[in-house]
Every structure is written in C-alpha cells, then in structure tokens.
N, C-alpha and C. Protein backbone atom coordinates (compact mmCIF):
# COMPACT_ATOMS: atom_id res chain seq x y z
N MET A 1 4.23 -11.10 -2.46
CA MET A 1 3.87 -10.38 -1.56
C MET A 1 3.19 -8.80 -1.65
N ASN A 2 2.26 -8.80 -0.54
CA ASN A 2 1.58 -7.80 -1.08
C ASN A 2 1.57 -6.74 0.58
N ILE A 3 0.99 -5.62 0.60
CA ILE A 3 1.07 -4.60 1.84
C ILE A 3 0.65 -5.53 2.79
N THR A 4 -0.47 -6.39 3.09
CA THR A 4 -0.63 -6.78 3.96
C THR A 4 -0.03 -8.03 4.86
N ASP A 5 0.94 -8.10 3.94
CA ASP A 5 2.08 -9.08 4.74
C ASP A 5 3.13 -8.53 5.49
N LEU A 6 3.31 -7.01 5.37
CA LEU A 6 4.56 -6.33 6.04
C LEU A 6 3.94 -6.23 7.59
N LYS A 7 5.01 -6.12 8.29
CA LYS A 7 4.63 -5.72 9.54
C LYS A 7 5.19 -4.44 9.95
N ARG A 8 4.68 -4.24 11.43
CA ARG A 8 4.50 -2.69 11.28
C ARG A 8 6.06 -1.91 11.38
N ASP A 9 6.18 -1.23 10.66
CA ASP A 9 7.50 -0.48 10.57
C ASP A 9 8.39 -0.98 9.55
N GLU A 10 7.73 -2.00 8.68
CA GLU A 10 8.58 -2.43 7.79
C GLU A 10 8.61 -1.60 6.57
N THR A 11 9.63 -1.88 5.70
CA THR A 11 9.59 -1.00 4.66
C THR A 11 9.72 -1.67 3.31
N ALA A 12 9.30 -1.43 2.24
CA ALA A 12 9.19 -2.10 1.18
C ALA A 12 9.05 -1.40 -0.31
N ARG A 13 9.20 -1.88 -1.54
CA ARG A 13 8.94 -1.11 -2.75
C ARG A 13 7.62 -1.77 -3.23
N ILE A 14 6.93 -1.05 -3.86
CA ILE A 14 5.91 -1.48 -4.63
C ILE A 14 6.56 -1.97 -6.23
N VAL A 15 6.01 -3.12 -6.21
CA VAL A 15 6.45 -3.67 -7.84
C VAL A 15 5.39 -4.02 -8.63
N SER A 16 4.02 -3.91 -8.34
CA SER A 16 2.95 -3.95 -9.20
C SER A 16 1.69 -3.48 -8.62
N LEU A 17 0.93 -2.88 -9.51
CA LEU A 17 -0.36 -2.51 -9.16
C LEU A 17 -1.76 -2.84 -10.14
N GLY A 18 -0.77 -3.69 -10.87
CA GLY A 18 -1.61 -4.30 -12.19
C GLY A 18 -2.82 -5.14 -11.74
N LYS A 19 -3.32 -5.67 -10.67
CA LYS A 19 -4.54 -6.18 -10.39
C LYS A 19 -5.30 -5.18 -10.05
N ILE A 20 -5.37 -4.10 -9.96
CA ILE A 20 -6.20 -2.71 -9.32
C ILE A 20 -7.09 -2.26 -10.78
N ASP A 21 -8.18 -1.90 -10.76
CA ASP A 21 -8.63 -1.18 -11.79
C ASP A 21 -8.19 0.22 -11.96
N GLN A 22 -8.53 0.64 -13.34
CA GLN A 22 -7.65 1.54 -13.88
C GLN A 22 -8.26 3.02 -13.00
N ILE A 23 -9.33 2.92 -12.76
CA ILE A 23 -9.89 4.16 -12.08
C ILE A 23 -9.13 4.64 -10.56
N PHE A 24 -9.05 3.39 -9.95
CA PHE A 24 -8.46 3.30 -8.61
C PHE A 24 -7.16 3.51 -8.82
N ASN A 25 -6.27 3.12 -9.64
CA ASN A 25 -5.11 3.03 -10.08
C ASN A 25 -4.82 4.57 -10.20
N LYS A 26 -5.53 5.07 -10.62
CA LYS A 26 -5.08 6.64 -11.12
C LYS A 26 -5.42 7.74 -9.48
N ARG A 27 -6.23 7.03 -8.86
CA ARG A 27 -6.35 7.88 -7.64
C ARG A 27 -5.01 7.57 -6.79
N LEU A 28 -4.81 6.11 -6.55
CA LEU A 28 -3.56 5.55 -5.71
C LEU A 28 -2.44 6.80 -6.65
N MET A 29 -2.46 6.96 -7.72
CA MET A 29 -1.13 7.56 -8.44
C MET A 29 -1.07 8.95 -8.10
N ASP A 30 -2.25 9.32 -7.63
CA ASP A 30 -2.31 10.78 -7.34
C ASP A 30 -1.89 11.07 -5.82
N LEU A 31 -2.01 9.90 -5.26
CA LEU A 31 -1.79 10.08 -3.66
C LEU A 31 -0.24 9.64 -3.52
N GLY A 32 0.75 8.97 -4.57
CA GLY A 32 1.83 9.12 -4.38
C GLY A 32 2.50 7.59 -4.63
N ILE A 33 1.38 6.75 -4.56
CA ILE A 33 1.40 5.21 -4.48
C ILE A 33 1.19 4.57 -6.17
N TYR A 34 2.63 4.26 -6.33
CA TYR A 34 2.92 4.15 -7.76
C TYR A 34 4.09 3.09 -7.75
N GLU A 35 4.36 2.19 -9.16
CA GLU A 35 5.35 1.22 -8.97
C GLU A 35 6.74 1.81 -8.59
N SER A 36 7.37 1.18 -8.08
CA SER A 36 9.18 1.55 -7.41
C SER A 36 8.67 2.67 -6.55
N ALA A 37 7.80 2.94 -6.00
CA ALA A 37 7.57 3.72 -4.83
C ALA A 37 8.05 2.87 -3.21
N THR A 38 8.51 3.67 -2.32
CA THR A 38 8.81 3.01 -1.42
C THR A 38 7.45 3.13 -0.15
N VAL A 39 6.99 1.99 0.23
CA VAL A 39 6.01 2.46 1.51
C VAL A 39 6.63 1.60 2.98
N VAL A 40 6.06 2.34 3.89
CA VAL A 40 6.21 2.03 5.20
C VAL A 40 5.10 1.61 6.07
N MET A 41 4.82 0.60 6.65
CA MET A 41 3.62 0.17 7.15
C MET A 41 3.53 0.71 8.43
N LEU A 42 2.61 1.69 8.72
CA LEU A 42 2.77 2.23 10.27
C LEU A 42 1.86 1.69 10.90
N ASN A 43 0.79 1.10 10.68
CA ASN A 43 -0.17 0.63 11.42
C ASN A 43 -1.26 -0.34 10.95
N LYS A 44 -1.76 -1.30 11.46
CA LYS A 44 -2.99 -2.21 11.05
C LYS A 44 -3.87 -1.99 12.32
N LEU A 45 -5.35 -1.70 11.70
CA LEU A 45 -6.35 -1.56 12.50
C LEU A 45 -7.60 -2.27 11.99
N SER A 46 -8.50 -2.13 12.96
CA SER A 46 -9.79 -2.75 12.84
C SER A 46 -10.01 -4.40 12.64
N SER A 47 -8.83 -4.97 13.41
CA SER A 47 -8.69 -6.24 13.43
C SER A 47 -8.00 -6.77 11.99
N ASN A 48 -7.05 -5.88 11.30
CA ASN A 48 -6.50 -6.20 10.26
C ASN A 48 -7.50 -5.82 9.05
N ARG A 49 -8.02 -4.86 9.30
CA ARG A 49 -9.22 -4.54 8.12
C ARG A 49 -8.55 -3.35 7.24
N LEU A 50 -7.82 -2.42 8.06
CA LEU A 50 -7.43 -1.22 7.36
C LEU A 50 -5.91 -1.14 7.60
N TYR A 51 -5.10 -0.41 7.03
CA TYR A 51 -3.75 -0.36 7.06
C TYR A 51 -3.42 0.92 6.79
N VAL A 52 -2.46 1.63 7.46
CA VAL A 52 -1.98 2.66 7.43
C VAL A 52 -0.45 2.55 7.02
N ILE A 53 -0.14 3.20 5.89
CA ILE A 53 0.92 3.26 5.34
C ILE A 53 1.40 4.65 4.88
N GLU A 54 2.91 4.67 4.61
CA GLU A 54 3.47 6.15 4.40
C GLU A 54 4.47 6.12 3.28
N VAL A 55 3.94 6.83 2.37
CA VAL A 55 4.54 7.05 1.39
C VAL A 55 4.90 8.18 0.68
N ASP A 56 6.19 8.68 0.62
CA ASP A 56 6.88 10.33 0.38
C ASP A 56 6.17 10.97 1.49
N ASP A 57 6.38 10.53 2.69
CA ASP A 57 5.87 11.55 3.96
C ASP A 57 4.37 11.59 3.95
N ILE A 58 3.67 10.81 3.21
CA ILE A 58 2.15 10.98 3.23
C ILE A 58 1.50 9.78 3.93
N GLU A 59 0.83 10.29 4.80
CA GLU A 59 0.06 8.92 5.46
C GLU A 59 -1.43 8.71 4.79
N ILE A 60 -1.69 7.25 4.50
CA ILE A 60 -2.48 6.82 3.61
C ILE A 60 -3.25 5.78 4.25
N CYS A 61 -4.53 5.61 4.54
CA CYS A 61 -5.15 4.38 4.95
C CYS A 61 -6.16 3.66 4.14
N LEU A 62 -5.62 2.29 3.76
CA LEU A 62 -6.19 1.45 2.72
C LEU A 62 -7.11 0.18 3.27
N ARG A 63 -8.23 -0.15 2.57
CA ARG A 63 -8.75 -0.85 3.01
C ARG A 63 -8.27 -2.19 2.77
N LYS A 64 -8.31 -3.54 3.68
CA LYS A 64 -7.68 -4.49 3.08
C LYS A 64 -7.87 -5.03 1.50
N GLU A 65 -9.08 -5.21 1.00
CA GLU A 65 -9.34 -5.42 -0.30
C GLU A 65 -8.42 -4.58 -1.05
N ASP A 66 -8.12 -3.54 -0.89
CA ASP A 66 -7.21 -2.91 -1.78
C ASP A 66 -5.72 -3.00 -1.53
N ALA A 67 -5.59 -2.93 -0.14
CA ALA A 67 -3.88 -3.38 -0.12
C ALA A 67 -3.62 -4.71 -0.38
N GLU A 68 -4.76 -5.71 -0.36
CA GLU A 68 -4.13 -6.94 -0.94
C GLU A 68 -3.76 -6.84 -2.48
N LEU A 69 -4.16 -5.83 -3.26
CA LEU A 69 -3.77 -5.77 -4.50
C LEU A 69 -3.00 -5.04 -4.92
N ILE A 70 -1.95 -4.82 -3.98
CA ILE A 70 -0.57 -4.13 -4.28
C ILE A 70 0.66 -4.75 -3.97
N GLU A 71 1.13 -5.23 -4.92
CA GLU A 71 2.45 -6.24 -4.66
C GLU A 71 3.50 -5.30 -4.48
N VAL A 72 4.22 -5.61 -3.39
CA VAL A 72 5.40 -5.15 -2.67
C VAL A 72 6.58 -6.20 -2.55
N ARG A 73 7.75 -5.80 -2.44
CA ARG A 73 9.22 -6.73 -2.38
C ARG A 73 9.90 -5.79 -1.17
N LYS A 74 10.15 -6.38 -0.32
CA LYS A 74 11.34 -6.02 0.58
C LYS A 74 12.81 -5.67 0.17
C-alpha cells in the first residue's frame, strides 16, 4: 500500500522509497521522510490530489503523484 491509501488520522511506517528518483529522495530525506519513519495522514485536499502528512512533528504536503510512490505498512 502507499500513503494515498491511508485514511485521515491513520498511522503507518514507511517501508520503501525505491520508486522515487534519487534527487527527490534526497529532498524527502532532508524533510525526515525515510524508510522506517512513522507517518500520520492528517488531511486529503483538492479532491485527493494533495496529501498532508506528519513525520516527526513536521507537517508536509505531497502531490498525489509523489505520495503514490511511497510504500507504507500499518
């Protein structure tokens, strides 16, 4: 499953960022999004095209295209 499959206030652990290109992966890691990090789905906006997540007390908004590439496990 990926981040887009989470419901509001659901928590999951990131299991893979393997589908993301190397440059974007580095940006995500700078924001605290890395394998084994815990994420919480805070909100889905703009007809489920934007996803607001929380990682280590930091709120981050991801586009659907990017969120679909981040695999998680509950």
